[in-house]
Amino acid sequence: MTKDEERQRQARRELDRLGAEGGLFSTPTLKARARSLRGHFNAEDADPSDRIEVWGTRIGRALALVAFFGLAVWLLFFLAR
């Protein structure tokens, strides 16, 4: 058996193991989503030279998140009655 064949077998075993654990598909997707979400709340799409715009965007998005969770809790309590 040559070194290339051994490396191919080892790579296939690793890929099979990762596929069985679910790490082959879920981990990169979750990391990309988390990175995207972090970028959204850090206002990476705002003009970096304008500090007021960056902080205003961050504050606005944080308040929107708080309002969303507040409304979700209110809806759950309303429906539970």
C-alpha atoms as a PDB file:
ATOM      1  CA  MET A   1       0.000   0.000   0.000  1.00  0.00           C
ATOM      2  CA  THR A   2       1.420   3.375  -0.961  1.00  0.00           C
ATOM      3  CA  LYS A   3       1.374   6.526   1.113  1.00  0.00           C
ATOM      4  CA  ASP A   4      -1.266   8.100  -1.139  1.00  0.00           C
ATOM      5  CA  GLU A   5      -3.646   5.175  -0.709  1.00  0.00           C
ATOM      6  CA  GLU A   6      -3.184   5.262   3.054  1.00  0.00           C
ATOM      7  CA  ARG A   7      -3.843   9.014   3.159  1.00  0.00           C
ATOM      8  CA  GLN A   8      -6.978   8.569   1.038  1.00  0.00           C
ATOM      9  CA  ARG A   9      -8.287   5.857   3.346  1.00  0.00           C
ATOM     10  CA  GLN A  10      -7.556   7.939   6.404  1.00  0.00           C
ATOM     11  CA  ALA A  11      -9.295  10.968   4.853  1.00  0.00           C
ATOM     12  CA  ARG A  12     -12.351   8.868   3.986  1.00  0.00           C
ATOM     13  CA  ARG A  13     -12.508   7.531   7.557  1.00  0.00           C
ATOM     14  CA  GLU A  14     -12.366  11.101   8.891  1.00  0.00           C
ATOM     15  CA  LEU A  15     -15.092  12.263   6.517  1.00  0.00           C
ATOM     16  CA  ASP A  16     -17.289   9.311   7.449  1.00  0.00           C
ATOM     17  CA  ARG A  17     -16.772  10.003  11.150  1.00  0.00           C
ATOM     18  CA  LEU A  18     -17.587  13.700  10.729  1.00  0.00           C
ATOM     19  CA  GLY A  19     -20.656  12.876   8.653  1.00  0.00           C
ATOM     20  CA  ALA A  20     -21.911  10.460  11.298  1.00  0.00           C
ATOM     21  CA  GLU A  21     -21.471  13.038  14.057  1.00  0.00           C
ATOM     22  CA  GLY A  22     -23.195  15.758  12.055  1.00  0.00           C
ATOM     23  CA  GLY A  23     -20.130  17.960  12.245  1.00  0.00           C
ATOM     24  CA  LEU A  24     -19.543  17.966   8.535  1.00  0.00           C
ATOM     25  CA  PHE A  25     -22.599  20.054   7.720  1.00  0.00           C
ATOM     26  CA  SER A  26     -23.867  21.747  10.869  1.00  0.00           C
ATOM     27  CA  THR A  27     -20.720  23.290  12.330  1.00  0.00           C
ATOM     28  CA  PRO A  28     -19.653  25.451   9.372  1.00  0.00           C
ATOM     29  CA  THR A  29     -23.226  26.593   8.841  1.00  0.00           C
ATOM     30  CA  LEU A  30     -23.683  27.528  12.482  1.00  0.00           C
ATOM     31  CA  LYS A  31     -20.346  29.338  12.546  1.00  0.00           C
ATOM     32  CA  ALA A  32     -21.267  31.306   9.436  1.00  0.00           C
ATOM     33  CA  ARG A  33     -24.675  32.223  10.888  1.00  0.00           C
ATOM     34  CA  ALA A  34     -23.113  33.314  14.184  1.00  0.00           C
ATOM     35  CA  ARG A  35     -20.520  35.397  12.340  1.00  0.00           C
ATOM     36  CA  SER A  36     -23.241  36.999  10.237  1.00  0.00           C
ATOM     37  CA  LEU A  37     -25.388  37.745  13.289  1.00  0.00           C
ATOM     38  CA  ARG A  38     -22.428  39.191  15.166  1.00  0.00           C
ATOM     39  CA  GLY A  39     -21.616  41.395  12.192  1.00  0.00           C
ATOM     40  CA  HIS A  40     -25.208  42.575  12.002  1.00  0.00           C
ATOM     41  CA  PHE A  41     -25.353  43.637  15.647  1.00  0.00           C
ATOM     42  CA  ASN A  42     -21.859  45.173  15.483  1.00  0.00           C
ATOM     43  CA  ALA A  43     -23.097  47.368  12.619  1.00  0.00           C
ATOM     44  CA  GLU A  44     -20.405  46.222  10.211  1.00  0.00           C
ATOM     45  CA  ASP A  45     -22.581  47.419   7.341  1.00  0.00           C
ATOM     46  CA  ALA A  46     -22.530  51.012   8.630  1.00  0.00           C
ATOM     47  CA  ASP A  47     -19.931  53.560   7.542  1.00  0.00           C
ATOM     48  CA  PRO A  48     -16.938  52.901   9.849  1.00  0.00           C
ATOM     49  CA  SER A  49     -15.689  56.484   9.583  1.00  0.00           C
ATOM     50  CA  ASP A  50     -18.945  57.813  11.090  1.00  0.00           C
ATOM     51  CA  ARG A  51     -18.958  56.805  14.765  1.00  0.00           C
ATOM     52  CA  ILE A  52     -22.409  58.262  15.363  1.00  0.00           C
ATOM     53  CA  GLU A  53     -23.915  56.117  12.613  1.00  0.00           C
ATOM     54  CA  VAL A  54     -22.182  52.999  13.924  1.00  0.00           C
ATOM     55  CA  TRP A  55     -23.330  53.529  17.515  1.00  0.00           C
ATOM     56  CA  GLY A  56     -26.801  54.607  16.451  1.00  0.00           C
ATOM     57  CA  THR A  57     -27.154  51.446  14.378  1.00  0.00           C
ATOM     58  CA  ARG A  58     -25.924  49.283  17.255  1.00  0.00           C
ATOM     59  CA  ILE A  59     -28.301  50.919  19.734  1.00  0.00           C
ATOM     60  CA  GLY A  60     -31.236  50.692  17.348  1.00  0.00           C
ATOM     61  CA  ARG A  61     -30.645  47.022  16.651  1.00  0.00           C
ATOM     62  CA  ALA A  62     -30.238  46.252  20.356  1.00  0.00           C
ATOM     63  CA  LEU A  63     -33.500  48.042  21.158  1.00  0.00           C
ATOM     64  CA  ALA A  64     -35.240  46.153  18.360  1.00  0.00           C
ATOM     65  CA  LEU A  65     -34.005  42.871  19.843  1.00  0.00           C
ATOM     66  CA  VAL A  66     -35.243  43.843  23.312  1.00  0.00           C
ATOM     67  CA  ALA A  67     -38.612  44.873  21.869  1.00  0.00           C
ATOM     68  CA  PHE A  68     -38.883  41.583  19.980  1.00  0.00           C
ATOM     69  CA  PHE A  69     -38.278  39.508  23.099  1.00  0.00           C
ATOM     70  CA  GLY A  70     -40.617  41.711  25.130  1.00  0.00           C
ATOM     71  CA  LEU A  71     -43.407  41.257  22.601  1.00  0.00           C
ATOM     72  CA  ALA A  72     -42.746  37.511  22.407  1.00  0.00           C
ATOM     73  CA  VAL A  73     -43.047  37.181  26.200  1.00  0.00           C
ATOM     74  CA  TRP A  74     -46.198  39.301  26.201  1.00  0.00           C
ATOM     75  CA  LEU A  75     -47.701  37.123  23.454  1.00  0.00           C
ATOM     76  CA  LEU A  76     -46.918  33.945  25.384  1.00  0.00           C
ATOM     77  CA  PHE A  77     -48.550  35.316  28.518  1.00  0.00           C
ATOM     78  CA  PHE A  78     -51.530  36.560  26.510  1.00  0.00           C
ATOM     79  CA  LEU A  79     -52.051  33.174  24.851  1.00  0.00           C
ATOM     80  CA  ALA A  80     -51.566  31.283  28.125  1.00  0.00           C
ATOM     81  CA  ARG A  81     -54.553  33.038  29.745  1.00  0.00           C
END
